[in-house]
Amino acid sequence: MKFTLPRFVLASALAGTLALGVGGCSQSYHSNNNMARISLHPEHHTVQVGSTVWVHATTLDLTNSKLHWKVSPTTAKIMPDNSRGNQEARFSASQPGGYMVTAYAKNDGQWVVGRTSITVMSQGNQ
């Protein structure tokens, strides 16, 4: 007997795995409280295919550093809003799956990175 999992179960499992990877690099891990940080806060962690959601970056102790954004896999899009100082970006994906959104900046010669995961579900999977 062949058993197949619905796509939303696979997407949820992938998102959970990605979230575990993000949790492993918790900002509270660092002993220096004055260390530069980037935290990302998505409008929603689970969205429908084709939906656009905002991801907001909260920064701490970044000095004159421009935020850069990327998403993986690259089948999704992340578009920073220059009018908001690149602190916010629009995320959208045309395919279901788990996606990792990353904001990063160079601060005093070192890279500072913030990440969050977003699960995209196909239409009809609630």
Protein backbone atom coordinates (compact mmCIF):
# COMPACT_ATOMS: atom_id res chain seq x y z
CA MET A 1 0.00 0.00 0.00
CA LYS A 2 1.46 3.34 -1.05
CA PHE A 3 1.12 6.26 1.38
CA THR A 4 1.61 9.88 0.33
CA LEU A 5 1.65 12.96 2.49
CA PRO A 6 -0.31 16.06 1.48
CA ARG A 7 1.90 18.96 0.39
CA PHE A 8 0.91 21.12 3.34
CA VAL A 9 2.27 18.47 5.74
CA LEU A 10 5.59 18.46 3.89
CA ALA A 11 5.67 22.27 3.84
CA SER A 12 4.95 22.40 7.57
CA ALA A 13 7.70 19.87 8.28
CA LEU A 14 10.17 21.87 6.20
CA ALA A 15 9.20 25.12 7.91
CA GLY A 16 9.59 23.46 11.30
CA THR A 17 13.04 22.24 10.34
CA LEU A 18 14.01 25.70 9.12
CA ALA A 19 12.65 27.26 12.30
CA LEU A 20 14.77 24.88 14.38
CA GLY A 21 17.83 26.02 12.47
CA VAL A 22 16.96 29.66 13.16
CA GLY A 23 16.30 28.96 16.83
CA GLY A 24 19.75 27.45 17.12
CA CYS A 25 21.29 30.87 16.51
CA SER A 26 19.28 32.73 19.11
CA GLN A 27 20.31 36.31 19.78
CA SER A 28 20.30 35.56 23.52
CA TYR A 29 23.19 33.13 22.91
CA HIS A 30 25.62 36.02 22.59
CA SER A 31 27.12 37.15 25.89
CA ASN A 32 27.71 40.72 24.75
CA ASN A 33 24.40 42.57 25.12
CA ASN A 34 25.78 45.54 23.15
CA MET A 35 26.40 43.37 20.09
CA ALA A 36 24.69 44.53 16.88
CA ARG A 37 21.55 42.52 16.09
CA ILE A 38 18.84 42.12 13.47
CA SER A 39 15.49 40.53 14.33
CA LEU A 40 12.88 39.78 11.66
CA HIS A 41 9.14 39.81 12.27
CA PRO A 42 6.91 38.56 9.45
CA GLU A 43 3.32 39.74 9.21
CA HIS A 44 2.35 36.05 9.00
CA HIS A 45 4.40 32.84 9.27
CA THR A 46 2.00 30.88 7.04
CA VAL A 47 0.58 32.38 3.84
CA GLN A 48 -1.19 31.32 0.66
CA VAL A 49 0.57 31.07 -2.71
CA GLY A 50 0.57 34.49 -4.39
CA SER A 51 -0.03 36.45 -1.17
CA THR A 52 2.26 39.33 -0.30
CA VAL A 53 3.32 39.86 3.31
CA TRP A 54 5.57 42.41 4.97
CA VAL A 55 8.66 41.40 6.90
CA HIS A 56 9.96 44.03 9.34
CA ALA A 57 13.57 44.22 10.51
CA THR A 58 14.31 45.53 13.98
CA THR A 59 17.95 46.50 14.38
CA LEU A 60 20.01 47.17 17.48
CA ASP A 61 23.42 48.84 17.60
CA LEU A 62 23.94 48.95 13.82
CA THR A 63 25.97 52.02 12.91
CA ASN A 64 25.39 53.44 9.43
CA SER A 65 24.81 50.00 7.96
CA LYS A 66 22.50 49.38 5.04
CA LEU A 67 20.27 46.32 5.29
CA HIS A 68 20.32 43.80 2.47
CA TRP A 69 17.65 41.13 1.95
CA LYS A 70 17.55 37.67 0.39
CA VAL A 71 15.21 34.69 0.34
CA SER A 72 15.86 31.03 -0.28
CA PRO A 73 14.93 29.12 -2.22
CA THR A 74 14.97 31.80 -4.90
CA THR A 75 11.56 30.79 -6.28
CA ALA A 76 10.18 33.43 -3.87
CA LYS A 77 10.69 37.20 -4.06
CA ILE A 78 11.79 39.63 -1.37
CA MET A 79 11.58 43.32 -2.26
CA PRO A 80 12.98 45.90 0.20
CA ASP A 81 11.07 49.16 0.58
CA ASN A 82 13.68 51.90 0.08
CA SER A 83 11.24 54.55 1.32
CA ARG A 84 11.31 52.86 4.73
CA GLY A 85 15.10 52.73 4.98
CA ASN A 86 15.14 49.08 3.88
CA GLN A 87 13.74 48.17 7.34
CA GLU A 88 10.77 46.48 5.66
CA ALA A 89 10.46 44.18 2.67
CA ARG A 90 7.60 42.49 0.80
CA PHE A 91 7.70 38.71 0.53
CA SER A 92 5.75 36.67 -2.03
CA ALA A 93 6.02 33.19 -3.51
CA SER A 94 4.33 31.56 -6.48
CA GLN A 95 5.03 28.01 -5.27
CA PRO A 96 4.18 26.27 -1.99
CA GLY A 97 7.01 25.35 0.35
CA GLY A 98 9.20 26.55 3.18
CA TYR A 99 11.22 29.75 2.68
CA MET A 100 13.97 31.41 4.69
CA VAL A 101 14.07 35.23 4.67
CA THR A 102 17.38 36.82 5.64
CA ALA A 103 18.32 40.43 6.36
CA TYR A 104 22.01 41.23 6.76
CA ALA A 105 24.35 44.19 7.14
CA LYS A 106 28.05 44.76 7.65
CA ASN A 107 28.81 46.46 10.96
CA ASP A 108 32.35 47.36 12.03
CA GLY A 109 33.78 44.81 9.60
CA GLN A 110 31.52 41.93 10.70
CA TRP A 111 28.32 40.59 9.17
CA VAL A 112 25.17 40.78 11.28
CA VAL A 113 22.34 38.46 10.18
CA GLY A 114 18.68 38.01 11.08
CA ARG A 115 16.45 35.20 9.74
CA THR A 116 12.86 34.03 9.80
CA SER A 117 10.93 31.29 8.04
CA ILE A 118 7.66 31.52 6.14
CA THR A 119 5.54 28.58 4.98
CA VAL A 120 3.63 29.05 1.73
CA MET A 121 0.60 26.83 1.25
CA SER A 122 -1.20 26.12 -2.02
CA GLN A 123 -4.68 27.51 -2.51
CA GLY A 124 -7.26 25.36 -0.76
CA ASN A 125 -4.90 24.07 1.98
CA GLN A 126 -6.01 25.79 5.15
